């Protein structure tokens, strides 16, 4: 799977952070094995009351894109929340795909 990690607004990302994110994204394949690529975008937004980290995860599967986006006080919390949103979508997509395929024909014939 191709994983791309980018940062907006001249935000610096350490190599350790990039490796951590890539490993976490690679783990998504246990929920759906046909992930073709993923993009993680890190951003920081400044407010009068402080700053907020924004993480957006875009996962390409089959002919679809799944997106998880989250805001939090720190990057790790925002990443975990965005990843959880993508995991839910992957599980739902996999479940729909399995239901669509249905049971094998020989099993259906045996019930008759």
PDB file of N, CA and C in Angstrom:
ATOM      1  N   UNK A   1       0.851  -1.175   0.000  1.00  0.00           N
ATOM      2  CA  UNK A   1       0.000   0.000   0.000  1.00  0.00           C
ATOM      3  C   UNK A   1       0.895   1.234   0.000  1.00  0.00           C
ATOM      4  N   UNK A   2       0.495   2.222  -0.756  1.00  0.00           N
ATOM      5  CA  UNK A   2       1.219   3.481  -0.826  1.00  0.00           C
ATOM      6  C   UNK A   2       0.655   4.438   0.231  1.00  0.00           C
ATOM      7  N   UNK A   3       1.497   4.896   1.145  1.00  0.00           N
ATOM      8  CA  UNK A   3       1.077   5.818   2.197  1.00  0.00           C
ATOM      9  C   UNK A   3       1.838   7.125   2.029  1.00  0.00           C
ATOM     10  N   UNK A   4       1.099   8.223   1.975  1.00  0.00           N
ATOM     11  CA  UNK A   4       1.705   9.537   1.819  1.00  0.00           C
ATOM     12  C   UNK A   4       1.326  10.394   3.026  1.00  0.00           C
ATOM     13  N   UNK A   5       2.320  10.966   3.674  1.00  0.00           N
ATOM     14  CA  UNK A   5       2.095  11.830   4.839  1.00  0.00           C
ATOM     15  C   UNK A   5       2.557  13.231   4.465  1.00  0.00           C
ATOM     16  N   UNK A   6       1.661  14.196   4.583  1.00  0.00           N
ATOM     17  CA  UNK A   6       1.999  15.575   4.258  1.00  0.00           C
ATOM     18  C   UNK A   6       1.548  16.498   5.384  1.00  0.00           C
ATOM     19  N   UNK A   7       2.145  17.687   5.399  1.00  0.00           N
ATOM     20  CA  UNK A   7       1.798  18.698   6.400  1.00  0.00           C
ATOM     21  C   UNK A   7       1.501  20.007   5.679  1.00  0.00           C
ATOM     22  N   UNK A   8       0.551  20.724   6.183  1.00  0.00           N
ATOM     23  CA  UNK A   8       0.182  22.021   5.613  1.00  0.00           C
ATOM     24  C   UNK A   8       0.791  23.151   6.440  1.00  0.00           C
ATOM     25  N   UNK A   9       0.906  24.288   5.802  1.00  0.00           N
ATOM     26  CA  UNK A   9       1.350  25.522   6.438  1.00  0.00           C
ATOM     27  C   UNK A   9       2.746  25.400   7.054  1.00  0.00           C
ATOM     28  N   UNK A  10       3.666  24.824   6.314  1.00  0.00           N
ATOM     29  CA  UNK A  10       5.068  24.701   6.730  1.00  0.00           C
ATOM     30  C   UNK A  10       5.249  24.001   8.069  1.00  0.00           C
ATOM     31  N   UNK A  11       4.355  23.137   8.389  1.00  0.00           N
ATOM     32  CA  UNK A  11       4.479  22.370   9.633  1.00  0.00           C
ATOM     33  C   UNK A  11       5.545  21.301   9.459  1.00  0.00           C
ATOM     34  N   UNK A  12       6.397  21.163  10.416  1.00  0.00           N
ATOM     35  CA  UNK A  12       7.482  20.175  10.370  1.00  0.00           C
ATOM     36  C   UNK A  12       7.009  18.871  11.007  1.00  0.00           C
ATOM     37  N   UNK A  13       7.373  17.750  10.354  1.00  0.00           N
ATOM     38  CA  UNK A  13       7.032  16.430  10.875  1.00  0.00           C
ATOM     39  C   UNK A  13       8.328  15.654  11.028  1.00  0.00           C
ATOM     40  N   UNK A  14       8.527  15.061  12.202  1.00  0.00           N
ATOM     41  CA  UNK A  14       9.742  14.273  12.423  1.00  0.00           C
ATOM     42  C   UNK A  14       9.642  12.942  11.690  1.00  0.00           C
ATOM     43  N   UNK A  15      10.786  12.342  11.421  1.00  0.00           N
ATOM     44  CA  UNK A  15      10.817  11.031  10.762  1.00  0.00           C
ATOM     45  C   UNK A  15      10.136   9.969  11.621  1.00  0.00           C
ATOM     46  N   UNK A  16      10.276  10.085  12.939  1.00  0.00           N
ATOM     47  CA  UNK A  16       9.627   9.136  13.848  1.00  0.00           C
ATOM     48  C   UNK A  16       8.108   9.213  13.719  1.00  0.00           C
ATOM     49  N   UNK A  17       7.591  10.428  13.614  1.00  0.00           N
ATOM     50  CA  UNK A  17       6.146  10.621  13.473  1.00  0.00           C
ATOM     51  C   UNK A  17       5.663  10.029  12.154  1.00  0.00           C
ATOM     52  N   UNK A  18       6.403  10.250  11.085  1.00  0.00           N
ATOM     53  CA  UNK A  18       6.033   9.707   9.781  1.00  0.00           C
ATOM     54  C   UNK A  18       6.026   8.180   9.827  1.00  0.00           C
ATOM     55  N   UNK A  19       7.040   7.580  10.441  1.00  0.00           N
ATOM     56  CA  UNK A  19       7.107   6.118  10.547  1.00  0.00           C
ATOM     57  C   UNK A  19       5.948   5.577  11.382  1.00  0.00           C
ATOM     58  N   UNK A  20       5.619   6.272  12.477  1.00  0.00           N
ATOM     59  CA  UNK A  20       4.496   5.860  13.314  1.00  0.00           C
ATOM     60  C   UNK A  20       3.194   5.891  12.517  1.00  0.00           C
ATOM     61  N   UNK A  21       2.957   6.985  11.799  1.00  0.00           N
ATOM     62  CA  UNK A  21       1.725   7.134  11.022  1.00  0.00           C
ATOM     63  C   UNK A  21       1.648   6.062   9.933  1.00  0.00           C
ATOM     64  N   UNK A  22       2.758   5.826   9.232  1.00  0.00           N
ATOM     65  CA  UNK A  22       2.769   4.807   8.180  1.00  0.00           C
ATOM     66  C   UNK A  22       2.454   3.423   8.745  1.00  0.00           C
ATOM     67  N   UNK A  23       3.015   3.102   9.911  1.00  0.00           N
ATOM     68  CA  UNK A  23       2.743   1.801  10.534  1.00  0.00           C
ATOM     69  C   UNK A  23       1.277   1.676  10.933  1.00  0.00           C
ATOM     70  N   UNK A  24       0.708   2.739  11.479  1.00  0.00           N
ATOM     71  CA  UNK A  24      -0.700   2.718  11.880  1.00  0.00           C
ATOM     72  C   UNK A  24      -1.616   2.573  10.672  1.00  0.00           C
ATOM     73  N   UNK A  25      -1.281   3.240   9.583  1.00  0.00           N
ATOM     74  CA  UNK A  25      -2.093   3.149   8.369  1.00  0.00           C
ATOM     75  C   UNK A  25      -1.975   1.752   7.760  1.00  0.00           C
ATOM     76  N   UNK A  26      -0.774   1.172   7.789  1.00  0.00           N
ATOM     77  CA  UNK A  26      -0.587  -0.197   7.284  1.00  0.00           C
ATOM     78  C   UNK A  26      -1.457  -1.182   8.069  1.00  0.00           C
ATOM     79  N   UNK A  27      -1.677  -0.920   9.355  1.00  0.00           N
ATOM     80  CA  UNK A  27      -2.514  -1.795  10.186  1.00  0.00           C
ATOM     81  C   UNK A  27      -3.977  -1.803   9.747  1.00  0.00           C
ATOM     82  N   UNK A  28      -4.387  -0.803   8.973  1.00  0.00           N
ATOM     83  CA  UNK A  28      -5.773  -0.754   8.509  1.00  0.00           C
ATOM     84  C   UNK A  28      -6.104  -1.922   7.590  1.00  0.00           C
ATOM     85  N   UNK A  29      -5.080  -2.538   7.006  1.00  0.00           N
ATOM     86  CA  UNK A  29      -5.320  -3.662   6.096  1.00  0.00           C
ATOM     87  C   UNK A  29      -5.928  -4.868   6.797  1.00  0.00           C
ATOM     88  N   UNK A  30      -5.845  -4.935   8.105  1.00  0.00           N
ATOM     89  CA  UNK A  30      -6.473  -6.059   8.807  1.00  0.00           C
ATOM     90  C   UNK A  30      -7.999  -5.911   8.832  1.00  0.00           C
ATOM     91  N   UNK A  31      -8.496  -4.694   8.567  1.00  0.00           N
ATOM     92  CA  UNK A  31      -9.939  -4.480   8.506  1.00  0.00           C
ATOM     93  C   UNK A  31     -10.480  -4.609   7.088  1.00  0.00           C
ATOM     94  N   UNK A  32      -9.636  -4.317   6.095  1.00  0.00           N
ATOM     95  CA  UNK A  32     -10.023  -4.443   4.691  1.00  0.00           C
ATOM     96  C   UNK A  32      -8.741  -4.582   3.889  1.00  0.00           C
ATOM     97  N   UNK A  33      -8.582  -5.725   3.231  1.00  0.00           N
ATOM     98  CA  UNK A  33      -7.299  -6.065   2.607  1.00  0.00           C
ATOM     99  C   UNK A  33      -7.055  -5.391   1.266  1.00  0.00           C
ATOM    100  N   UNK A  34      -8.043  -4.769   0.665  1.00  0.00           N
ATOM    101  CA  UNK A  34      -7.877  -4.202  -0.677  1.00  0.00           C
ATOM    102  C   UNK A  34      -7.678  -2.691  -0.671  1.00  0.00           C
ATOM    103  N   UNK A  35      -6.945  -2.174   0.299  1.00  0.00           N
ATOM    104  CA  UNK A  35      -6.623  -0.746   0.339  1.00  0.00           C
ATOM    105  C   UNK A  35      -5.497  -0.504  -0.659  1.00  0.00           C
ATOM    106  N   UNK A  36      -5.705   0.429  -1.582  1.00  0.00           N
ATOM    107  CA  UNK A  36      -4.685   0.688  -2.593  1.00  0.00           C
ATOM    108  C   UNK A  36      -3.707   1.775  -2.161  1.00  0.00           C
ATOM    109  N   UNK A  37      -4.217   2.823  -1.523  1.00  0.00           N
ATOM    110  CA  UNK A  37      -3.338   3.897  -1.065  1.00  0.00           C
ATOM    111  C   UNK A  37      -4.013   4.685   0.044  1.00  0.00           C
ATOM    112  N   UNK A  38      -3.195   5.472   0.729  1.00  0.00           N
ATOM    113  CA  UNK A  38      -3.717   6.310   1.807  1.00  0.00           C
ATOM    114  C   UNK A  38      -2.921   7.602   1.865  1.00  0.00           C
ATOM    115  N   UNK A  39      -3.590   8.664   2.251  1.00  0.00           N
ATOM    116  CA  UNK A  39      -2.936   9.950   2.417  1.00  0.00           C
ATOM    117  C   UNK A  39      -3.332  10.505   3.783  1.00  0.00           C
ATOM    118  N   UNK A  40      -2.334  10.976   4.519  1.00  0.00           N
ATOM    119  CA  UNK A  40      -2.572  11.582   5.825  1.00  0.00           C
ATOM    120  C   UNK A  40      -2.104  13.032   5.743  1.00  0.00           C
ATOM    121  N   UNK A  41      -3.005  13.959   6.072  1.00  0.00           N
ATOM    122  CA  UNK A  41      -2.682  15.380   6.027  1.00  0.00           C
ATOM    123  C   UNK A  41      -2.741  15.932   7.445  1.00  0.00           C
ATOM    124  N   UNK A  42      -1.640  16.524   7.882  1.00  0.00           N
ATOM    125  CA  UNK A  42      -1.549  17.123   9.218  1.00  0.00           C
ATOM    126  C   UNK A  42      -1.603  18.638   9.076  1.00  0.00           C
ATOM    127  N   UNK A  43      -2.373  19.272   9.916  1.00  0.00           N
ATOM    128  CA  UNK A  43      -2.513  20.719   9.859  1.00  0.00           C
ATOM    129  C   UNK A  43      -2.655  21.257  11.275  1.00  0.00           C
ATOM    130  N   UNK A  44      -2.391  22.519  11.441  1.00  0.00           N
ATOM    131  CA  UNK A  44      -2.560  23.182  12.735  1.00  0.00           C
ATOM    132  C   UNK A  44      -3.306  24.476  12.479  1.00  0.00           C
ATOM    133  N   UNK A  45      -4.318  24.718  13.292  1.00  0.00           N
ATOM    134  CA  UNK A  45      -5.124  25.916  13.146  1.00  0.00           C
ATOM    135  C   UNK A  45      -5.004  26.749  14.411  1.00  0.00           C
ATOM    136  N   UNK A  46      -4.690  28.005  14.238  1.00  0.00           N
ATOM    137  CA  UNK A  46      -4.535  28.911  15.381  1.00  0.00           C
ATOM    138  C   UNK A  46      -5.853  29.630  15.652  1.00  0.00           C
ATOM    139  N   UNK A  47      -6.225  29.682  16.921  1.00  0.00           N
ATOM    140  CA  UNK A  47      -7.412  30.395  17.379  1.00  0.00           C
ATOM    141  C   UNK A  47      -6.980  31.398  18.452  1.00  0.00           C
ATOM    142  N   UNK A  48      -7.864  32.293  18.804  1.00  0.00           N
ATOM    143  CA  UNK A  48      -7.574  33.232  19.883  1.00  0.00           C
ATOM    144  C   UNK A  48      -7.353  32.502  21.202  1.00  0.00           C
ATOM    145  N   UNK A  49      -8.059  31.397  21.378  1.00  0.00           N
ATOM    146  CA  UNK A  49      -7.956  30.639  22.625  1.00  0.00           C
ATOM    147  C   UNK A  49      -6.809  29.628  22.609  1.00  0.00           C
ATOM    148  N   UNK A  50      -6.098  29.484  21.496  1.00  0.00           N
ATOM    149  CA  UNK A  50      -4.997  28.531  21.410  1.00  0.00           C
ATOM    150  C   UNK A  50      -4.931  27.896  20.036  1.00  0.00           C
ATOM    151  N   UNK A  51      -4.223  26.799  19.961  1.00  0.00           N
ATOM    152  CA  UNK A  51      -4.103  26.123  18.664  1.00  0.00           C
ATOM    153  C   UNK A  51      -4.791  24.759  18.718  1.00  0.00           C
ATOM    154  N   UNK A  52      -5.070  24.247  17.533  1.00  0.00           N
ATOM    155  CA  UNK A  52      -5.776  22.978  17.414  1.00  0.00           C
ATOM    156  C   UNK A  52      -5.146  22.197  16.258  1.00  0.00           C
ATOM    157  N   UNK A  53      -4.865  20.918  16.503  1.00  0.00           N
ATOM    158  CA  UNK A  53      -4.313  20.059  15.461  1.00  0.00           C
ATOM    159  C   UNK A  53      -5.451  19.424  14.680  1.00  0.00           C
ATOM    160  N   UNK A  54      -5.268  19.335  13.368  1.00  0.00           N
ATOM    161  CA  UNK A  54      -6.260  18.738  12.481  1.00  0.00           C
ATOM    162  C   UNK A  54      -5.577  17.622  11.706  1.00  0.00           C
ATOM    163  N   UNK A  55      -6.198  16.448  11.700  1.00  0.00           N
ATOM    164  CA  UNK A  55      -5.677  15.303  10.950  1.00  0.00           C
ATOM    165  C   UNK A  55      -6.782  14.807  10.025  1.00  0.00           C
ATOM    166  N   UNK A  56      -6.416  14.612   8.760  1.00  0.00           N
ATOM    167  CA  UNK A  56      -7.345  14.078   7.770  1.00  0.00           C
ATOM    168  C   UNK A  56      -6.701  12.845   7.144  1.00  0.00           C
ATOM    169  N   UNK A  57      -7.424  11.723   7.170  1.00  0.00           N
ATOM    170  CA  UNK A  57      -6.945  10.470   6.591  1.00  0.00           C
ATOM    171  C   UNK A  57      -7.863  10.135   5.418  1.00  0.00           C
ATOM    172  N   UNK A  58      -7.257   9.954   4.249  1.00  0.00           N
ATOM    173  CA  UNK A  58      -7.994   9.609   3.041  1.00  0.00           C
ATOM    174  C   UNK A  58      -7.493   8.241   2.584  1.00  0.00           C
ATOM    175  N   UNK A  59      -8.397   7.270   2.520  1.00  0.00           N
ATOM    176  CA  UNK A  59      -8.043   5.903   2.150  1.00  0.00           C
ATOM    177  C   UNK A  59      -8.756   5.549   0.848  1.00  0.00           C
ATOM    178  N   UNK A  60      -8.006   5.052  -0.118  1.00  0.00           N
ATOM    179  CA  UNK A  60      -8.570   4.635  -1.404  1.00  0.00           C
ATOM    180  C   UNK A  60      -8.731   3.123  -1.416  1.00  0.00           C
ATOM    181  N   UNK A  61      -9.975   2.683  -1.634  1.00  0.00           N
ATOM    182  CA  UNK A  61     -10.264   1.252  -1.744  1.00  0.00           C
ATOM    183  C   UNK A  61     -11.124   1.052  -2.975  1.00  0.00           C
ATOM    184  N   UNK A  62     -10.874  -0.034  -3.675  1.00  0.00           N
ATOM    185  CA  UNK A  62     -11.632  -0.337  -4.885  1.00  0.00           C
ATOM    186  C   UNK A  62     -11.768   0.939  -5.718  1.00  0.00           C
ATOM    187  N   UNK A  63     -12.982   1.413  -5.871  1.00  0.00           N
ATOM    188  CA  UNK A  63     -13.216   2.656  -6.618  1.00  0.00           C
ATOM    189  C   UNK A  63     -13.768   3.734  -5.694  1.00  0.00           C
ATOM    190  N   UNK A  64     -13.549   3.586  -4.409  1.00  0.00           N
ATOM    191  CA  UNK A  64     -14.104   4.511  -3.409  1.00  0.00           C
ATOM    192  C   UNK A  64     -13.008   5.185  -2.609  1.00  0.00           C
ATOM    193  N   UNK A  65     -13.375   6.292  -1.981  1.00  0.00           N
ATOM    194  CA  UNK A  65     -12.499   6.977  -1.039  1.00  0.00           C
ATOM    195  C   UNK A  65     -13.219   7.080   0.290  1.00  0.00           C
ATOM    196  N   UNK A  66     -12.499   6.749   1.356  1.00  0.00           N
ATOM    197  CA  UNK A  66     -13.025   6.902   2.701  1.00  0.00           C
ATOM    198  C   UNK A  66     -12.228   8.008   3.371  1.00  0.00           C
ATOM    199  N   UNK A  67     -12.910   8.882   4.095  1.00  0.00           N
ATOM    200  CA  UNK A  67     -12.247  10.026   4.710  1.00  0.00           C
ATOM    201  C   UNK A  67     -12.603  10.083   6.188  1.00  0.00           C
ATOM    202  N   UNK A  68     -11.570  10.267   7.006  1.00  0.00           N
ATOM    203  CA  UNK A  68     -11.750  10.494   8.429  1.00  0.00           C
ATOM    204  C   UNK A  68     -11.021  11.764   8.798  1.00  0.00           C
ATOM    205  N   UNK A  69     -11.700  12.687   9.436  1.00  0.00           N
ATOM    206  CA  UNK A  69     -11.090  13.974   9.792  1.00  0.00           C
ATOM    207  C   UNK A  69     -11.432  14.282  11.232  1.00  0.00           C
ATOM    208  N   UNK A  70     -10.429  14.797  11.963  1.00  0.00           N
ATOM    209  CA  UNK A  70     -10.662  15.092  13.369  1.00  0.00           C
ATOM    210  C   UNK A  70      -9.819  16.280  13.820  1.00  0.00           C
ATOM    211  N   UNK A  71     -10.331  17.001  14.805  1.00  0.00           N
ATOM    212  CA  UNK A  71      -9.624  18.122  15.435  1.00  0.00           C
ATOM    213  C   UNK A  71      -9.435  17.792  16.904  1.00  0.00           C
ATOM    214  N   UNK A  72      -8.267  18.142  17.455  1.00  0.00           N
ATOM    215  CA  UNK A  72      -8.020  17.908  18.883  1.00  0.00           C
ATOM    216  C   UNK A  72      -6.911  18.826  19.368  1.00  0.00           C
ATOM    217  N   UNK A  73      -6.662  18.777  20.691  1.00  0.00           N
ATOM    218  CA  UNK A  73      -5.625  19.614  21.279  1.00  0.00           C
ATOM    219  C   UNK A  73      -4.228  19.181  20.857  1.00  0.00           C
ATOM    220  N   UNK A  74      -4.053  17.878  20.590  1.00  0.00           N
ATOM    221  CA  UNK A  74      -2.737  17.403  20.143  1.00  0.00           C
ATOM    222  C   UNK A  74      -2.891  16.490  18.935  1.00  0.00           C
ATOM    223  N   UNK A  75      -1.792  16.313  18.226  1.00  0.00           N
ATOM    224  CA  UNK A  75      -1.810  15.556  16.979  1.00  0.00           C
ATOM    225  C   UNK A  75      -2.174  14.099  17.204  1.00  0.00           C
ATOM    226  N   UNK A  76      -1.673  13.496  18.260  1.00  0.00           N
ATOM    227  CA  UNK A  76      -1.924  12.076  18.530  1.00  0.00           C
ATOM    228  C   UNK A  76      -3.410  11.802  18.737  1.00  0.00           C
ATOM    229  N   UNK A  77      -4.070  12.636  19.514  1.00  0.00           N
ATOM    230  CA  UNK A  77      -5.510  12.480  19.766  1.00  0.00           C
ATOM    231  C   UNK A  77      -6.291  12.664  18.469  1.00  0.00           C
ATOM    232  N   UNK A  78      -5.938  13.669  17.686  1.00  0.00           N
ATOM    233  CA  UNK A  78      -6.626  13.911  16.416  1.00  0.00           C
ATOM    234  C   UNK A  78      -6.409  12.744  15.460  1.00  0.00           C
ATOM    235  N   UNK A  79      -5.192  12.203  15.419  1.00  0.00           N
ATOM    236  CA  UNK A  79      -4.907  11.067  14.541  1.00  0.00           C
ATOM    237  C   UNK A  79      -5.709   9.839  14.961  1.00  0.00           C
ATOM    238  N   UNK A  80      -5.726   9.551  16.261  1.00  0.00           N
ATOM    239  CA  UNK A  80      -6.471   8.387  16.752  1.00  0.00           C
ATOM    240  C   UNK A  80      -7.964   8.496  16.429  1.00  0.00           C
ATOM    241  N   UNK A  81      -8.536   9.692  16.598  1.00  0.00           N
ATOM    242  CA  UNK A  81      -9.956   9.894  16.300  1.00  0.00           C
ATOM    243  C   UNK A  81     -10.236   9.728  14.805  1.00  0.00           C
ATOM    244  N   UNK A  82      -9.381  10.302  13.967  1.00  0.00           N
ATOM    245  CA  UNK A  82      -9.562  10.185  12.513  1.00  0.00           C
ATOM    246  C   UNK A  82      -9.407   8.738  12.070  1.00  0.00           C
ATOM    247  N   UNK A  83      -8.435   8.033  12.646  1.00  0.00           N
ATOM    248  CA  UNK A  83      -8.219   6.629  12.294  1.00  0.00           C
ATOM    249  C   UNK A  83      -9.438   5.794  12.689  1.00  0.00           C
ATOM    250  N   UNK A  84     -10.007   6.055  13.853  1.00  0.00           N
ATOM    251  CA  UNK A  84     -11.184   5.311  14.304  1.00  0.00           C
ATOM    252  C   UNK A  84     -12.358   5.523  13.346  1.00  0.00           C
ATOM    253  N   UNK A  85     -12.503   6.726  12.823  1.00  0.00           N
ATOM    254  CA  UNK A  85     -13.568   6.997  11.852  1.00  0.00           C
ATOM    255  C   UNK A  85     -13.357   6.182  10.578  1.00  0.00           C
ATOM    256  N   UNK A  86     -12.110   6.091  10.128  1.00  0.00           N
ATOM    257  CA  UNK A  86     -11.813   5.315   8.930  1.00  0.00           C
ATOM    258  C   UNK A  86     -12.027   3.830   9.192  1.00  0.00           C
ATOM    259  N   UNK A  87     -11.651   3.345  10.368  1.00  0.00           N
ATOM    260  CA  UNK A  87     -11.840   1.930  10.710  1.00  0.00           C
ATOM    261  C   UNK A  87     -13.327   1.570  10.655  1.00  0.00           C
ATOM    262  N   UNK A  88     -14.181   2.416  11.194  1.00  0.00           N
ATOM    263  CA  UNK A  88     -15.622   2.158  11.157  1.00  0.00           C
ATOM    264  C   UNK A  88     -16.120   2.056   9.721  1.00  0.00           C
ATOM    265  N   UNK A  89     -15.626   2.951   8.863  1.00  0.00           N
ATOM    266  CA  UNK A  89     -16.043   2.928   7.462  1.00  0.00           C
ATOM    267  C   UNK A  89     -15.532   1.675   6.750  1.00  0.00           C
ATOM    268  N   UNK A  90     -14.294   1.274   7.060  1.00  0.00           N
ATOM    269  CA  UNK A  90     -13.728   0.070   6.447  1.00  0.00           C
ATOM    270  C   UNK A  90     -14.520  -1.173   6.851  1.00  0.00           C
ATOM    271  N   UNK A  91     -14.857  -1.271   8.126  1.00  0.00           N
ATOM    272  CA  UNK A  91     -15.641  -2.412   8.607  1.00  0.00           C
ATOM    273  C   UNK A  91     -17.007  -2.460   7.931  1.00  0.00           C
ATOM    274  N   UNK A  92     -17.639  -1.301   7.813  1.00  0.00           N
ATOM    275  CA  UNK A  92     -18.954  -1.243   7.185  1.00  0.00           C
ATOM    276  C   UNK A  92     -18.846  -1.623   5.712  1.00  0.00           C
ATOM    277  N   UNK A  93     -17.831  -1.110   5.020  1.00  0.00           N
ATOM    278  CA  UNK A  93     -17.641  -1.437   3.605  1.00  0.00           C
ATOM    279  C   UNK A  93     -17.402  -2.936   3.420  1.00  0.00           C
ATOM    280  N   UNK A  94     -16.592  -3.516   4.277  1.00  0.00           N
ATOM    281  CA  UNK A  94     -16.303  -4.950   4.193  1.00  0.00           C
ATOM    282  C   UNK A  94     -17.559  -5.770   4.458  1.00  0.00           C
ATOM    283  N   UNK A  95     -18.350  -5.352   5.429  1.00  0.00           N
ATOM    284  CA  UNK A  95     -19.590  -6.061   5.752  1.00  0.00           C
ATOM    285  C   UNK A  95     -20.571  -6.001   4.582  1.00  0.00           C
ATOM    286  N   UNK A  96     -20.701  -4.845   3.965  1.00  0.00           N
ATOM    287  CA  UNK A  96     -21.600  -4.697   2.821  1.00  0.00           C
ATOM    288  C   UNK A  96     -21.120  -5.562   1.661  1.00  0.00           C
ATOM    289  N   UNK A  97     -19.825  -5.577   1.432  1.00  0.00           N
ATOM    290  CA  UNK A  97     -19.257  -6.383   0.348  1.00  0.00           C
ATOM    291  C   UNK A  97     -19.529  -7.863   0.584  1.00  0.00           C
ATOM    292  N   UNK A  98     -19.382  -8.318   1.811  1.00  0.00           N
ATOM    293  CA  UNK A  98     -19.623  -9.731   2.127  1.00  0.00           C
ATOM    294  C   UNK A  98     -21.103 -10.083   1.984  1.00  0.00           C
ATOM    295  N   UNK A  99     -21.988  -9.192   2.398  1.00  0.00           N
ATOM    296  CA  UNK A  99     -23.424  -9.447   2.261  1.00  0.00           C
ATOM    297  C   UNK A  99     -23.824  -9.457   0.795  1.00  0.00           C
ATOM    298  N   UNK A 100     -23.209  -8.585   0.019  1.00  0.00           N
ATOM    299  CA  UNK A 100     -23.531  -8.501  -1.405  1.00  0.00           C
ATOM    300  C   UNK A 100     -23.150  -9.799  -2.113  1.00  0.00           C
ATOM    301  N   UNK A 101     -22.031 -10.381  -1.737  1.00  0.00           N
ATOM    302  CA  UNK A 101     -21.599 -11.634  -2.350  1.00  0.00           C
ATOM    303  C   UNK A 101     -22.518 -12.782  -1.956  1.00  0.00           C
ATOM    304  N   UNK A 102     -23.120 -12.711  -0.796  1.00  0.00           N
ATOM    305  CA  UNK A 102     -24.069 -13.716  -0.351  1.00  0.00           C
ATOM    306  C   UNK A 102     -23.428 -15.061  -0.076  1.00  0.00           C
ATOM    307  N   UNK A 103     -24.257 -16.039   0.201  1.00  0.00           N
ATOM    308  CA  UNK A 103     -23.748 -17.370   0.478  1.00  0.00           C
ATOM    309  C   UNK A 103     -23.471 -18.107  -0.825  1.00  0.00           C
ATOM    310  N   UNK A 104     -22.579 -19.064  -0.800  1.00  0.00           N
ATOM    311  CA  UNK A 104     -22.279 -19.829  -2.012  1.00  0.00           C
ATOM    312  C   UNK A 104     -23.524 -20.546  -2.523  1.00  0.00           C
ATOM    313  N   UNK A 105     -23.593 -20.714  -3.839  1.00  0.00           N
ATOM    314  CA  UNK A 105     -24.769 -21.311  -4.472  1.00  0.00           C
ATOM    315  C   UNK A 105     -25.017 -22.733  -3.969  1.00  0.00           C
ATOM    316  N   UNK A 106     -23.957 -23.512  -3.761  1.00  0.00           N
ATOM    317  CA  UNK A 106     -24.152 -24.894  -3.320  1.00  0.00           C
ATOM    318  C   UNK A 106     -24.813 -24.941  -1.945  1.00  0.00           C
ATOM    319  N   UNK A 107     -24.503 -23.960  -1.057  1.00  0.00           N
ATOM    320  CA  UNK A 107     -25.144 -23.925   0.256  1.00  0.00           C
ATOM    321  C   UNK A 107     -26.625 -23.570   0.135  1.00  0.00           C
ATOM    322  N   UNK A 108     -26.954 -22.683  -0.778  1.00  0.00           N
ATOM    323  CA  UNK A 108     -28.341 -22.293  -0.977  1.00  0.00           C
ATOM    324  C   UNK A 108     -29.153 -23.443  -1.549  1.00  0.00           C
ATOM    325  N   UNK A 109     -28.554 -24.225  -2.454  1.00  0.00           N
ATOM    326  CA  UNK A 109     -29.243 -25.362  -3.068  1.00  0.00           C
ATOM    327  C   UNK A 109     -29.487 -26.455  -2.044  1.00  0.00           C
ATOM    328  N   UNK A 110     -28.534 -26.666  -1.149  1.00  0.00           N
ATOM    329  CA  UNK A 110     -28.667 -27.712  -0.132  1.00  0.00           C
ATOM    330  C   UNK A 110     -29.827 -27.429   0.825  1.00  0.00           C
ATOM    331  N   UNK A 111     -30.168 -26.175   1.027  1.00  0.00           N
ATOM    332  CA  UNK A 111     -31.265 -25.827   1.936  1.00  0.00           C
ATOM    333  C   UNK A 111     -32.627 -26.137   1.329  1.00  0.00           C
ATOM    334  N   UNK A 112     -32.695 -26.267   0.020  1.00  0.00           N
ATOM    335  CA  UNK A 112     -33.984 -26.489  -0.651  1.00  0.00           C
ATOM    336  C   UNK A 112     -34.461 -27.899  -0.481  1.00  0.00           C
TER     337      UNK A 112
END
